[in-house]
Structures are given as C-alpha cells and as structure tokens.
Amino acid sequence: MLAAGETGKHMKGVVLAGGTGSRLNPLTRVTNKHLLPIYDKPMVYYPIQTLVNAGIEEILLVTGGKNAGDFLRLLGNGRDFGLKHLNYTYQDGEGGIAEALGLAEFFAGGEPICVVLGDNIIENNICHAVETFQKQKEGAKILLKEVPDAQRFGVAEIRGNHVVGIEEKPRVPKSNFAVVGIYLYDATVFQKIRRLKPSGRGELEITDVNNFYIEEGKLTYEILEGWWTDAGTFESLLRANTLVSETGANKMSGTVNSIREKATR
C-alpha cells in the first residue's frame, strides 16, 4: 500500500458505511452492503483507500445495523492501509447520509473533513481536489461526473463556473452532471446539519447541506477524472466489479507519486 503523502495534511476523513442496503436484498440479509466483495476486496476497502491515497490518515468509519462488529474484525486499526489507527462510530436506524455525518462532529474537532460514501468507487484519486480545497480555506467542494443516468443521483445545475443548485434524484435532470459521493467540508458543516429537516424519504439529505453552501456562495466543484460508480444496486454492483477487475481502482498519477517520494525522503 502507498504511504500517505502530504496532500491531506490536517484534514480528516470520514467513510459512511451504515444503512440497511435494502436495494441489494437478499445479499444484505445477513451482512452489511459495504462488506460485500468488489472483485478481490471488500467494498469498504475502496473508500478507505481513496482517503489514504490523498494523504488522509485520521479516518472515522460510521456504520450501523446488526453487523457493525464485522467491520472491526475486518479492518482492525487499518494495518492493510498502512494506518496506525482507525476510528469507529455507530449510527442508530436509517436517518440518511447527513445524519450519519453529524456523528463525526466530535471526531472532526473543528478541522476540515473529506467524506466518502462507503459504496463509491473511483478509478483514480482525489489528490487534486483535496489540495485545491485546502487552498480554499473555507466552504465546501464537490466532485461531479457526467453520467447517462443522472436521475439516480444528486444533479448539479451549472451556470458559468458555478453550481447554482443541486436537485436530489430529479425526474427531469437539469444537467447530466451527477454529484459524486465524495465531499469536502469546512467545520461549519455540522451547524448546517443541525438546520436540516427530514425530506420526503424521512432522511436528512446531504444535497440540502450542499445547497446551504451554495446559498452562502462558498461551494466549488471539480470534474472527477476517470470512471466512478456506486455499488448500491444490483446493476451498479456488477458494474463496479467489472470496472475494478478490468482496469483497477484508486490509481495514482506520476505527479502525486513524486510528491509522495519527496514527502517520505
């Protein structure tokens, strides 16, 4: 595994791996969705590796359900990723992504955070996004990807160089740019979560959090290079397995490798 570089210095990482995985029943009847295999590794390995590749070593895993203890047995203190320690917390019930993220407030301790949804897998890395966000000093940054099935995701409406709004799972998307399940936030994210009201699905929506940042004029975006997929449906689970087996995931660029070499000298 790659040693962590300097890109994510002073930034903490959160992997959200709760939920019931009901769309993958019966596969999830006896285990958590994020413990299912994607090619040769459990699903949860990929979001953790995404953070580690960006130089983020302080990581919190938020999980829930009946199989929370399995994560501890599988991951321990993160030795497979070159980590000295992994943090864990437990989400009761199904309150949505934003509620799960709210559990990370004590862990974040006022530092900026990078949040990765546990079923999101990327071909390359987020080093550039982390680096530019750190220069941003405040606000939030999201990653976008052009997709053929935007109605499955949060969809960004873009005017000029700005995201002017995000709509959650729209029937008629205003663009083909889906919001990737990787978010960069300053410490005000937790105040914003406290302002949320449950959506029609009865959940606290991360899209509403992002829209709060848009209202403040403090949300930037970047187009993610390489492929990206979630793995929350049978179709996307199959796609994730195929993509990883054919091309690999969490690849590093030469530029970032040279940064890492300098950092470890």
Protein backbone atom coordinates (compact mmCIF):
# COMPACT_ATOMS: atom_id res chain seq x y z
CA MET A 1 0.00 0.00 0.00
CA LEU A 2 1.10 3.58 -0.67
CA ALA A 3 2.35 5.61 2.25
CA ALA A 4 0.30 8.72 2.90
CA GLY A 5 1.68 11.88 1.31
CA GLU A 6 1.31 15.47 2.39
CA THR A 7 -1.77 16.31 0.34
CA GLY A 8 -4.29 15.70 3.12
CA LYS A 9 -2.27 17.17 5.99
CA HIS A 10 -4.58 18.45 8.79
CA MET A 11 -7.65 17.07 7.01
CA LYS A 12 -9.63 14.22 8.49
CA GLY A 13 -11.57 11.57 6.59
CA VAL A 14 -15.00 10.04 7.19
CA VAL A 15 -16.32 6.89 5.50
CA LEU A 16 -20.10 6.45 5.73
CA ALA A 17 -20.87 2.73 5.75
CA GLY A 18 -24.24 2.45 7.51
CA GLY A 19 -27.68 1.85 6.03
CA THR A 20 -29.61 -1.37 5.52
CA GLY A 21 -28.68 -1.99 1.86
CA SER A 22 -32.33 -2.88 1.18
CA ARG A 23 -31.89 -2.49 -2.60
CA LEU A 24 -29.43 -5.41 -2.50
CA ASN A 25 -31.70 -7.82 -0.61
CA PRO A 26 -31.18 -10.84 -0.23
CA LEU A 27 -27.40 -10.23 -0.47
CA THR A 28 -27.64 -7.90 2.53
CA ARG A 29 -29.94 -10.05 4.62
CA VAL A 30 -27.05 -11.41 6.69
CA THR A 31 -24.32 -8.82 6.14
CA ASN A 32 -23.73 -5.09 5.63
CA LYS A 33 -23.65 -3.93 1.98
CA HIS A 34 -20.17 -2.45 2.44
CA LEU A 35 -18.75 -5.86 3.35
CA LEU A 36 -19.78 -7.39 0.00
CA PRO A 37 -16.91 -8.10 -2.40
CA ILE A 38 -15.92 -5.83 -5.26
CA TYR A 39 -13.61 -8.05 -7.29
CA ASP A 40 -10.81 -9.01 -4.87
CA LYS A 41 -11.55 -6.76 -1.86
CA PRO A 42 -14.50 -5.93 0.40
CA MET A 43 -16.38 -2.83 -0.81
CA VAL A 44 -15.36 -0.72 2.20
CA TYR A 45 -11.65 -1.05 1.28
CA TYR A 46 -12.08 1.26 -1.72
CA PRO A 47 -13.35 4.43 0.03
CA ILE A 48 -10.71 4.00 2.76
CA GLN A 49 -8.02 3.70 0.09
CA THR A 50 -9.39 6.84 -1.62
CA LEU A 51 -8.70 8.79 1.59
CA VAL A 52 -5.31 7.19 2.25
CA ASN A 53 -4.17 7.95 -1.31
CA ALA A 54 -4.99 11.62 -0.68
CA GLY A 55 -2.70 11.61 2.36
CA ILE A 56 -5.52 11.46 4.91
CA GLU A 57 -4.55 9.22 7.81
CA GLU A 58 -7.08 10.16 10.51
CA ILE A 59 -10.19 8.27 9.44
CA LEU A 60 -13.58 7.62 11.07
CA LEU A 61 -15.83 4.80 9.87
CA VAL A 62 -19.55 5.34 10.57
CA THR A 63 -21.55 2.13 10.42
CA GLY A 64 -24.75 0.67 11.83
CA GLY A 65 -27.10 -2.32 11.77
CA LYS A 66 -26.51 -5.82 13.09
CA ASN A 67 -23.11 -6.36 11.51
CA ALA A 68 -21.14 -3.41 12.88
CA GLY A 69 -18.75 -5.72 14.74
CA ASP A 70 -17.71 -7.32 11.45
CA PHE A 71 -16.03 -4.07 10.37
CA LEU A 72 -13.80 -4.20 13.44
CA ARG A 73 -12.83 -7.81 12.70
CA LEU A 74 -12.16 -7.00 9.04
CA LEU A 75 -10.36 -3.66 9.36
CA GLY A 76 -8.89 -3.60 12.87
CA ASN A 77 -6.73 -0.49 13.15
CA GLY A 78 -6.24 -0.16 9.39
CA ARG A 79 -2.99 -2.13 9.03
CA ASP A 80 -3.90 -3.16 5.45
CA PHE A 81 -3.80 0.55 4.53
CA GLY A 82 -0.61 1.42 6.39
CA LEU A 83 -2.61 3.18 9.12
CA LYS A 84 -1.77 3.13 12.83
CA HIS A 85 -5.35 3.64 13.94
CA LEU A 86 -8.94 3.61 12.67
CA ASN A 87 -11.86 5.26 14.46
CA TYR A 88 -15.39 3.84 14.55
CA THR A 89 -18.83 5.15 15.48
CA TYR A 90 -22.37 3.70 15.29
CA GLN A 91 -25.47 5.11 13.60
CA ASP A 92 -28.83 4.00 15.01
CA GLY A 93 -31.53 3.47 12.39
CA GLU A 94 -31.84 4.96 8.92
CA GLY A 95 -31.53 8.72 9.23
CA GLY A 96 -29.70 9.41 6.00
CA ILE A 97 -26.23 10.46 4.93
CA ALA A 98 -26.29 13.86 6.65
CA GLU A 99 -27.39 12.35 9.96
CA ALA A 100 -24.56 9.82 9.74
CA LEU A 101 -22.09 12.61 9.03
CA GLY A 102 -23.40 14.53 12.06
CA LEU A 103 -21.96 11.74 14.24
CA ALA A 104 -18.46 12.79 13.11
CA GLU A 105 -18.56 16.23 14.75
CA PHE A 106 -16.52 15.28 17.82
CA PHE A 107 -14.01 13.39 15.66
CA ALA A 108 -13.61 16.33 13.25
CA GLY A 109 -12.69 18.66 16.12
CA GLY A 110 -13.06 21.81 14.03
CA GLU A 111 -10.79 20.51 11.22
CA PRO A 112 -11.87 20.26 7.55
CA ILE A 113 -13.13 16.83 6.53
CA CYS A 114 -13.33 14.69 3.43
CA VAL A 115 -16.43 12.47 3.40
CA VAL A 116 -16.68 9.37 1.19
CA LEU A 117 -19.82 7.26 0.83
CA GLY A 118 -18.93 3.65 1.53
CA ASP A 119 -20.26 2.32 -1.80
CA ASN A 120 -18.49 4.86 -4.04
CA ILE A 121 -15.53 3.58 -6.03
CA ILE A 122 -13.28 5.64 -8.31
CA GLU A 123 -10.69 4.73 -10.93
CA ASN A 124 -8.12 7.34 -9.92
CA ASN A 125 -7.72 9.59 -6.88
CA ILE A 126 -8.89 12.86 -5.32
CA CYS A 127 -5.46 14.37 -4.54
CA HIS A 128 -6.01 17.47 -6.69
CA ALA A 129 -9.44 18.16 -5.17
CA VAL A 130 -8.06 17.86 -1.62
CA GLU A 131 -5.14 20.15 -2.46
CA THR A 132 -7.31 22.87 -4.05
CA PHE A 133 -9.86 22.67 -1.24
CA GLN A 134 -7.16 23.28 1.35
CA LYS A 135 -6.19 26.45 -0.53
CA GLN A 136 -9.88 27.46 -0.50
CA LYS A 137 -9.70 27.93 3.33
CA GLU A 138 -13.50 27.77 3.86
CA GLY A 139 -16.71 26.42 2.39
CA ALA A 140 -17.17 23.14 0.53
CA LYS A 141 -16.06 21.39 -2.63
CA ILE A 142 -17.96 18.69 -4.51
CA LEU A 143 -16.89 16.39 -7.34
CA LEU A 144 -19.05 15.99 -10.44
CA LYS A 145 -19.17 13.36 -13.16
CA GLU A 146 -21.17 13.31 -16.39
CA VAL A 147 -23.39 10.20 -16.37
CA PRO A 148 -26.15 8.70 -18.57
CA ASP A 149 -28.49 8.04 -15.60
CA ALA A 150 -28.32 11.34 -13.69
CA GLN A 151 -31.82 10.87 -12.23
CA ARG A 152 -30.34 8.28 -9.83
CA PHE A 153 -28.19 10.89 -8.09
CA GLY A 154 -27.98 14.44 -6.82
CA VAL A 155 -27.71 16.55 -10.00
CA ALA A 156 -25.84 19.85 -10.28
CA GLU A 157 -27.19 22.82 -12.20
CA ILE A 158 -24.18 24.72 -13.55
CA ARG A 159 -24.07 28.30 -14.81
CA GLY A 160 -20.71 29.55 -15.99
CA ASN A 161 -18.16 28.31 -13.45
CA HIS A 162 -20.64 27.97 -10.60
CA VAL A 163 -23.01 25.33 -9.30
CA VAL A 164 -26.23 27.28 -8.68
CA GLY A 165 -28.28 24.41 -7.26
CA ILE A 166 -28.38 20.66 -6.64
CA GLU A 167 -31.52 18.58 -7.02
CA GLU A 168 -31.83 15.15 -5.40
CA LYS A 169 -32.87 12.34 -7.80
CA PRO A 170 -34.81 14.63 -10.19
CA ARG A 171 -37.22 13.05 -12.71
CA VAL A 172 -36.05 15.58 -15.30
CA PRO A 173 -32.39 16.42 -14.54
CA LYS A 174 -31.19 19.96 -15.33
CA SER A 175 -27.82 18.52 -16.43
CA ASN A 176 -26.05 15.18 -16.80
CA PHE A 177 -23.60 16.06 -14.02
CA ALA A 178 -24.11 13.80 -11.01
CA VAL A 179 -22.67 14.70 -7.63
CA VAL A 180 -20.08 12.05 -6.72
CA GLY A 181 -20.37 10.65 -3.19
CA ILE A 182 -17.16 12.39 -2.08
CA TYR A 183 -17.50 15.75 -0.30
CA LEU A 184 -15.04 18.23 1.20
CA TYR A 185 -16.34 20.43 4.01
CA ASP A 186 -15.16 23.04 6.47
CA ALA A 187 -16.19 22.84 10.14
CA THR A 188 -19.49 24.72 9.56
CA VAL A 189 -20.97 21.57 8.00
CA PHE A 190 -22.19 20.43 11.43
CA GLN A 191 -24.10 23.67 12.06
CA LYS A 192 -25.74 23.16 8.65
CA ILE A 193 -26.71 19.57 9.50
CA ARG A 194 -28.47 20.85 12.63
CA ARG A 195 -30.60 23.15 10.42
CA LEU A 196 -31.88 20.27 8.27
CA LYS A 197 -35.44 18.98 8.20
CA PRO A 198 -36.18 15.41 7.07
CA SER A 199 -37.01 15.03 3.37
CA GLY A 200 -39.97 13.15 1.92
CA ARG A 201 -37.89 9.99 2.39
CA GLY A 202 -37.68 10.75 6.12
CA GLU A 203 -33.92 11.33 5.86
CA LEU A 204 -31.55 14.25 6.38
CA GLU A 205 -30.24 14.84 2.85
CA ILE A 206 -26.62 15.70 2.05
CA THR A 207 -27.94 17.59 -1.01
CA ASP A 208 -29.60 20.08 1.35
CA VAL A 209 -26.26 20.60 3.13
CA ASN A 210 -24.56 21.31 -0.22
CA ASN A 211 -27.32 23.75 -1.15
CA PHE A 212 -26.70 25.66 2.11
CA TYR A 213 -23.10 26.17 0.97
CA ILE A 214 -24.34 27.30 -2.47
CA GLU A 215 -26.59 29.90 -0.78
CA GLU A 216 -23.51 31.24 1.03
CA GLY A 217 -21.53 31.36 -2.25
CA LYS A 218 -18.94 29.02 -0.75
CA LEU A 219 -19.25 25.84 -2.82
CA THR A 220 -16.75 24.99 -5.55
CA TYR A 221 -16.62 21.95 -7.80
CA GLU A 222 -14.24 19.84 -9.83
CA ILE A 223 -14.90 17.28 -12.58
CA LEU A 224 -13.65 13.87 -11.48
CA GLU A 225 -11.25 12.21 -13.91
CA GLY A 226 -11.58 8.51 -14.73
CA TRP A 227 -14.58 6.34 -14.06
CA TRP A 228 -16.77 6.47 -10.95
CA THR A 229 -19.56 4.20 -9.80
CA ASP A 230 -21.59 3.50 -6.73
CA ALA A 231 -22.42 -0.11 -5.86
CA GLY A 232 -25.82 0.19 -4.20
CA THR A 233 -27.96 -1.62 -6.79
CA PHE A 234 -27.50 -4.99 -8.49
CA GLU A 235 -26.64 -3.23 -11.77
CA SER A 236 -24.09 -0.87 -10.23
CA LEU A 237 -22.61 -3.65 -8.06
CA LEU A 238 -21.98 -5.67 -11.21
CA ARG A 239 -20.58 -2.57 -12.97
CA ALA A 240 -18.22 -1.91 -10.05
CA ASN A 241 -16.92 -5.49 -10.10
CA THR A 242 -16.38 -5.35 -13.87
CA LEU A 243 -14.62 -1.97 -13.84
CA VAL A 244 -12.29 -2.90 -10.97
CA SER A 245 -11.43 -6.29 -12.48
CA GLU A 246 -10.72 -4.79 -15.92
CA THR A 247 -8.95 -1.53 -15.06
CA GLY A 248 -8.21 -1.42 -11.31
CA ALA A 249 -9.28 1.28 -8.84
CA ASN A 250 -7.71 4.05 -6.75
CA LYS A 251 -4.83 4.52 -9.17
CA MET A 252 -2.21 7.17 -8.51
CA SER A 253 -0.71 9.56 -11.07
CA GLY A 254 3.01 10.05 -11.60
CA THR A 255 2.74 13.61 -10.30
CA VAL A 256 1.30 12.51 -6.98
CA ASN A 257 3.78 9.67 -6.66
CA SER A 258 6.64 12.19 -7.00
CA ILE A 259 5.03 14.30 -4.23
CA ARG A 260 4.92 11.20 -2.04
CA GLU A 261 8.55 10.31 -2.73
CA LYS A 262 9.63 13.80 -1.62
CA ALA A 263 7.45 13.53 1.49
CA THR A 264 8.97 10.22 2.56
CA ARG A 265 12.63 11.15 1.99
